[in-house]
Amino acid sequence: MKKVISIFAIIILSCCLAGNANAQCAMCTKTAQQLGEKPAQGLNSGILYLMLAPFALVGVIGVRWWKNNKLVEEQESAGLNN
């Protein structure tokens, strides 16, 4: 449990200390430059917001798979010890 908490703390800390992220492709960058500073920041924030959902979904699936796999391994090792 301590390992999970420490990994979670590292992730949160790295998110808080991260600098500005530019998540724009070349086409979006060119369009944003034409729009101006404020709309470009909004476009970049929107791209990052939309990018969050797939990463969160993959993370949740990965954690559930890992926990299920760990439980199966514990049951198999308990069955072998008896």
C-alpha atoms as a PDB file:
ATOM      1  CA  MET A   1       0.000   0.000   0.000  1.00  0.00           C
ATOM      2  CA  LYS A   2       2.901   2.336   0.762  1.00  0.00           C
ATOM      3  CA  LYS A   3       4.246   1.747  -2.724  1.00  0.00           C
ATOM      4  CA  VAL A   4       0.938   2.783  -4.323  1.00  0.00           C
ATOM      5  CA  ILE A   5       0.736   5.897  -2.163  1.00  0.00           C
ATOM      6  CA  SER A   6       4.318   6.868  -2.985  1.00  0.00           C
ATOM      7  CA  ILE A   7       3.712   6.399  -6.736  1.00  0.00           C
ATOM      8  CA  PHE A   8       0.524   8.455  -6.499  1.00  0.00           C
ATOM      9  CA  ALA A   9       2.382  11.179  -4.579  1.00  0.00           C
ATOM     10  CA  ILE A  10       5.129  11.277  -7.211  1.00  0.00           C
ATOM     11  CA  ILE A  11       2.561  11.620  -9.988  1.00  0.00           C
ATOM     12  CA  ILE A  12       0.731  14.440  -8.193  1.00  0.00           C
ATOM     13  CA  LEU A  13       3.988  16.194  -7.372  1.00  0.00           C
ATOM     14  CA  SER A  14       5.230  15.972 -10.952  1.00  0.00           C
ATOM     15  CA  CYS A  15       1.925  17.376 -12.207  1.00  0.00           C
ATOM     16  CA  CYS A  16       2.175  20.312  -9.822  1.00  0.00           C
ATOM     17  CA  LEU A  17       5.795  21.082 -10.702  1.00  0.00           C
ATOM     18  CA  ALA A  18       5.432  20.611 -14.462  1.00  0.00           C
ATOM     19  CA  GLY A  19       5.927  23.620 -16.670  1.00  0.00           C
ATOM     20  CA  ASN A  20       3.697  24.723 -19.489  1.00  0.00           C
ATOM     21  CA  ALA A  21       2.769  21.895 -21.798  1.00  0.00           C
ATOM     22  CA  ASN A  22       2.271  22.535 -25.464  1.00  0.00           C
ATOM     23  CA  ALA A  23      -0.054  19.882 -26.817  1.00  0.00           C
ATOM     24  CA  GLN A  24      -0.601  21.294 -30.251  1.00  0.00           C
ATOM     25  CA  CYS A  25       0.198  19.747 -33.580  1.00  0.00           C
ATOM     26  CA  ALA A  26       1.689  21.885 -36.344  1.00  0.00           C
ATOM     27  CA  MET A  27      -1.730  22.743 -37.816  1.00  0.00           C
ATOM     28  CA  CYS A  28      -3.196  23.726 -34.456  1.00  0.00           C
ATOM     29  CA  THR A  29      -0.140  25.836 -33.643  1.00  0.00           C
ATOM     30  CA  LYS A  30      -0.431  27.766 -36.900  1.00  0.00           C
ATOM     31  CA  THR A  31      -4.164  28.317 -36.372  1.00  0.00           C
ATOM     32  CA  ALA A  32      -3.615  29.396 -32.773  1.00  0.00           C
ATOM     33  CA  GLN A  33      -0.959  31.913 -33.824  1.00  0.00           C
ATOM     34  CA  GLN A  34      -3.457  33.510 -36.171  1.00  0.00           C
ATOM     35  CA  LEU A  35      -6.121  33.706 -33.452  1.00  0.00           C
ATOM     36  CA  GLY A  36      -4.005  35.520 -30.892  1.00  0.00           C
ATOM     37  CA  GLU A  37      -2.600  34.826 -27.428  1.00  0.00           C
ATOM     38  CA  LYS A  38      -5.751  34.271 -25.351  1.00  0.00           C
ATOM     39  CA  PRO A  39      -7.550  31.939 -27.801  1.00  0.00           C
ATOM     40  CA  ALA A  40      -4.303  30.009 -28.310  1.00  0.00           C
ATOM     41  CA  GLN A  41      -4.082  29.335 -24.571  1.00  0.00           C
ATOM     42  CA  GLY A  42      -7.718  28.212 -24.568  1.00  0.00           C
ATOM     43  CA  LEU A  43      -7.094  25.887 -27.509  1.00  0.00           C
ATOM     44  CA  ASN A  44      -4.068  24.381 -25.788  1.00  0.00           C
ATOM     45  CA  SER A  45      -6.018  23.870 -22.554  1.00  0.00           C
ATOM     46  CA  GLY A  46      -8.842  22.219 -24.482  1.00  0.00           C
ATOM     47  CA  ILE A  47      -6.424  19.824 -26.184  1.00  0.00           C
ATOM     48  CA  LEU A  48      -4.918  18.858 -22.830  1.00  0.00           C
ATOM     49  CA  TYR A  49      -8.391  18.422 -21.316  1.00  0.00           C
ATOM     50  CA  LEU A  50      -9.510  16.131 -24.145  1.00  0.00           C
ATOM     51  CA  MET A  51      -6.254  14.176 -23.898  1.00  0.00           C
ATOM     52  CA  LEU A  52      -6.871  13.435 -20.214  1.00  0.00           C
ATOM     53  CA  ALA A  53      -9.874  11.105 -20.719  1.00  0.00           C
ATOM     54  CA  PRO A  54      -8.138   8.367 -22.759  1.00  0.00           C
ATOM     55  CA  PHE A  55      -5.122   8.365 -20.453  1.00  0.00           C
ATOM     56  CA  ALA A  56      -7.365   8.113 -17.383  1.00  0.00           C
ATOM     57  CA  LEU A  57      -9.338   5.275 -18.960  1.00  0.00           C
ATOM     58  CA  VAL A  58      -6.201   3.315 -19.816  1.00  0.00           C
ATOM     59  CA  GLY A  59      -4.885   3.962 -16.308  1.00  0.00           C
ATOM     60  CA  VAL A  60      -8.048   2.656 -14.654  1.00  0.00           C
ATOM     61  CA  ILE A  61      -8.078  -0.444 -16.847  1.00  0.00           C
ATOM     62  CA  GLY A  62      -4.391  -1.040 -16.129  1.00  0.00           C
ATOM     63  CA  VAL A  63      -4.809  -0.739 -12.367  1.00  0.00           C
ATOM     64  CA  ARG A  64      -7.829  -3.067 -12.357  1.00  0.00           C
ATOM     65  CA  TRP A  65      -5.930  -5.615 -14.469  1.00  0.00           C
ATOM     66  CA  TRP A  66      -2.906  -5.383 -12.190  1.00  0.00           C
ATOM     67  CA  LYS A  67      -4.990  -5.870  -9.021  1.00  0.00           C
ATOM     68  CA  ASN A  68      -6.899  -8.792 -10.557  1.00  0.00           C
ATOM     69  CA  ASN A  69      -3.671 -10.411 -11.727  1.00  0.00           C
ATOM     70  CA  LYS A  70      -2.129  -9.947  -8.283  1.00  0.00           C
ATOM     71  CA  LEU A  71      -5.190 -11.551  -6.635  1.00  0.00           C
ATOM     72  CA  VAL A  72      -5.053 -14.550  -8.978  1.00  0.00           C
ATOM     73  CA  GLU A  73      -1.351 -15.032  -8.284  1.00  0.00           C
ATOM     74  CA  GLU A  74      -1.960 -14.901  -4.522  1.00  0.00           C
ATOM     75  CA  GLN A  75      -4.741 -17.484  -4.821  1.00  0.00           C
ATOM     76  CA  GLU A  76      -2.547 -19.761  -6.926  1.00  0.00           C
ATOM     77  CA  SER A  77       0.369 -19.496  -4.507  1.00  0.00           C
ATOM     78  CA  ALA A  78      -1.958 -20.168  -1.557  1.00  0.00           C
ATOM     79  CA  GLY A  79      -3.313 -23.228  -3.348  1.00  0.00           C
ATOM     80  CA  LEU A  80       0.205 -24.538  -4.015  1.00  0.00           C
ATOM     81  CA  ASN A  81       1.264 -24.073  -0.379  1.00  0.00           C
ATOM     82  CA  ASN A  82      -1.630 -26.150   0.985  1.00  0.00           C
END
